[in-house]
C-alpha atoms as a PDB file:
ATOM      1  CA  UNK A   1     -68.682  -9.115 -26.080  1.00  0.00           C
ATOM      2  CA  UNK A   2     -67.981  -7.730 -29.524  1.00  0.00           C
ATOM      3  CA  UNK A   3     -64.407  -8.049 -30.854  1.00  0.00           C
ATOM      4  CA  UNK A   4     -63.297  -6.416 -34.055  1.00  0.00           C
ATOM      5  CA  UNK A   5     -61.047  -8.306 -36.481  1.00  0.00           C
ATOM      6  CA  UNK A   6     -58.165  -5.914 -35.844  1.00  0.00           C
ATOM      7  CA  UNK A   7     -58.365  -6.521 -32.076  1.00  0.00           C
ATOM      8  CA  UNK A   8     -58.264 -10.236 -32.582  1.00  0.00           C
ATOM      9  CA  UNK A   9     -55.311 -10.118 -34.969  1.00  0.00           C
ATOM     10  CA  UNK A  10     -53.338  -7.652 -32.897  1.00  0.00           C
ATOM     11  CA  UNK A  11     -53.149 -10.175 -30.082  1.00  0.00           C
ATOM     12  CA  UNK A  12     -51.603 -12.898 -32.244  1.00  0.00           C
ATOM     13  CA  UNK A  13     -47.810 -13.430 -32.002  1.00  0.00           C
ATOM     14  CA  UNK A  14     -47.511 -13.308 -35.799  1.00  0.00           C
ATOM     15  CA  UNK A  15     -48.771  -9.713 -35.811  1.00  0.00           C
ATOM     16  CA  UNK A  16     -46.494  -8.360 -33.101  1.00  0.00           C
ATOM     17  CA  UNK A  17     -44.539  -5.256 -33.660  1.00  0.00           C
ATOM     18  CA  UNK A  18     -43.005  -5.132 -30.232  1.00  0.00           C
ATOM     19  CA  UNK A  19     -39.832  -7.204 -30.178  1.00  0.00           C
ATOM     20  CA  UNK A  20     -38.729  -6.461 -26.672  1.00  0.00           C
ATOM     21  CA  UNK A  21     -36.226  -9.200 -25.785  1.00  0.00           C
ATOM     22  CA  UNK A  22     -37.507 -12.307 -24.131  1.00  0.00           C
ATOM     23  CA  UNK A  23     -35.344 -14.984 -25.788  1.00  0.00           C
ATOM     24  CA  UNK A  24     -32.681 -12.967 -27.670  1.00  0.00           C
ATOM     25  CA  UNK A  25     -32.005 -13.645 -31.289  1.00  0.00           C
ATOM     26  CA  UNK A  26     -28.227 -14.090 -30.534  1.00  0.00           C
ATOM     27  CA  UNK A  27     -29.077 -17.103 -28.346  1.00  0.00           C
ATOM     28  CA  UNK A  28     -31.537 -18.543 -30.850  1.00  0.00           C
ATOM     29  CA  UNK A  29     -28.882 -18.171 -33.541  1.00  0.00           C
ATOM     30  CA  UNK A  30     -26.373 -20.060 -31.439  1.00  0.00           C
ATOM     31  CA  UNK A  31     -28.799 -22.839 -30.821  1.00  0.00           C
ATOM     32  CA  UNK A  32     -29.907 -23.106 -34.511  1.00  0.00           C
ATOM     33  CA  UNK A  33     -26.186 -23.359 -35.527  1.00  0.00           C
ATOM     34  CA  UNK A  34     -25.767 -26.228 -33.084  1.00  0.00           C
ATOM     35  CA  UNK A  35     -28.844 -27.911 -34.582  1.00  0.00           C
ATOM     36  CA  UNK A  36     -27.429 -27.583 -38.051  1.00  0.00           C
ATOM     37  CA  UNK A  37     -24.022 -28.886 -37.022  1.00  0.00           C
ATOM     38  CA  UNK A  38     -25.655 -31.939 -35.353  1.00  0.00           C
ATOM     39  CA  UNK A  39     -27.830 -32.466 -38.411  1.00  0.00           C
ATOM     40  CA  UNK A  40     -24.820 -32.494 -40.766  1.00  0.00           C
ATOM     41  CA  UNK A  41     -22.870 -34.794 -38.356  1.00  0.00           C
ATOM     42  CA  UNK A  42     -25.726 -37.285 -38.297  1.00  0.00           C
ATOM     43  CA  UNK A  43     -26.581 -36.936 -41.993  1.00  0.00           C
ATOM     44  CA  UNK A  44     -30.086 -35.578 -41.260  1.00  0.00           C
ATOM     45  CA  UNK A  45     -31.481 -32.979 -43.635  1.00  0.00           C
ATOM     46  CA  UNK A  46     -32.869 -29.961 -41.697  1.00  0.00           C
ATOM     47  CA  UNK A  47     -34.510 -27.875 -44.434  1.00  0.00           C
ATOM     48  CA  UNK A  48     -36.390 -25.530 -42.029  1.00  0.00           C
ATOM     49  CA  UNK A  49     -33.319 -24.402 -40.144  1.00  0.00           C
ATOM     50  CA  UNK A  50     -31.537 -23.782 -43.426  1.00  0.00           C
ATOM     51  CA  UNK A  51     -34.099 -21.162 -44.242  1.00  0.00           C
ATOM     52  CA  UNK A  52     -34.183 -19.529 -40.819  1.00  0.00           C
ATOM     53  CA  UNK A  53     -30.439 -19.074 -40.158  1.00  0.00           C
ATOM     54  CA  UNK A  54     -29.826 -16.795 -43.122  1.00  0.00           C
ATOM     55  CA  UNK A  55     -32.587 -14.453 -41.867  1.00  0.00           C
ATOM     56  CA  UNK A  56     -30.996 -14.521 -38.446  1.00  0.00           C
ATOM     57  CA  UNK A  57     -27.544 -13.782 -40.028  1.00  0.00           C
ATOM     58  CA  UNK A  58     -29.071 -10.671 -41.769  1.00  0.00           C
ATOM     59  CA  UNK A  59     -30.640  -9.317 -38.508  1.00  0.00           C
ATOM     60  CA  UNK A  60     -27.428  -9.962 -36.514  1.00  0.00           C
ATOM     61  CA  UNK A  61     -25.391  -8.261 -39.190  1.00  0.00           C
ATOM     62  CA  UNK A  62     -27.738  -5.257 -38.799  1.00  0.00           C
ATOM     63  CA  UNK A  63     -27.021  -5.152 -35.043  1.00  0.00           C
ATOM     64  CA  UNK A  64     -30.357  -6.683 -34.105  1.00  0.00           C
ATOM     65  CA  UNK A  65     -28.992  -9.662 -32.211  1.00  0.00           C
ATOM     66  CA  UNK A  66     -30.326  -8.309 -28.906  1.00  0.00           C
ATOM     67  CA  UNK A  67     -33.915  -8.215 -30.178  1.00  0.00           C
ATOM     68  CA  UNK A  68     -36.535 -10.791 -29.323  1.00  0.00           C
ATOM     69  CA  UNK A  69     -36.109 -13.920 -31.439  1.00  0.00           C
ATOM     70  CA  UNK A  70     -39.521 -13.474 -33.056  1.00  0.00           C
ATOM     71  CA  UNK A  71     -38.049 -10.460 -34.823  1.00  0.00           C
ATOM     72  CA  UNK A  72     -36.992 -12.876 -37.526  1.00  0.00           C
ATOM     73  CA  UNK A  73     -40.532 -12.404 -38.798  1.00  0.00           C
ATOM     74  CA  UNK A  74     -39.724  -8.721 -39.424  1.00  0.00           C
ATOM     75  CA  UNK A  75     -37.202  -9.465 -42.165  1.00  0.00           C
END
């Protein structure tokens, strides 16, 4: 079967444009804040979460908290 590059890429999660809620951003944000609080309490640096939470804050401030959590990639 012959697949075009655009067909192959369109199926990948990183290339999605449909952010119908599965795991909502609001819930992901809550969990990431708990992760950061725990990291601070235990003295563990969590550099990845420190970069993601501001993106989440931006989307939630724009009223996008009900979107699928992978919508962070749209910022």
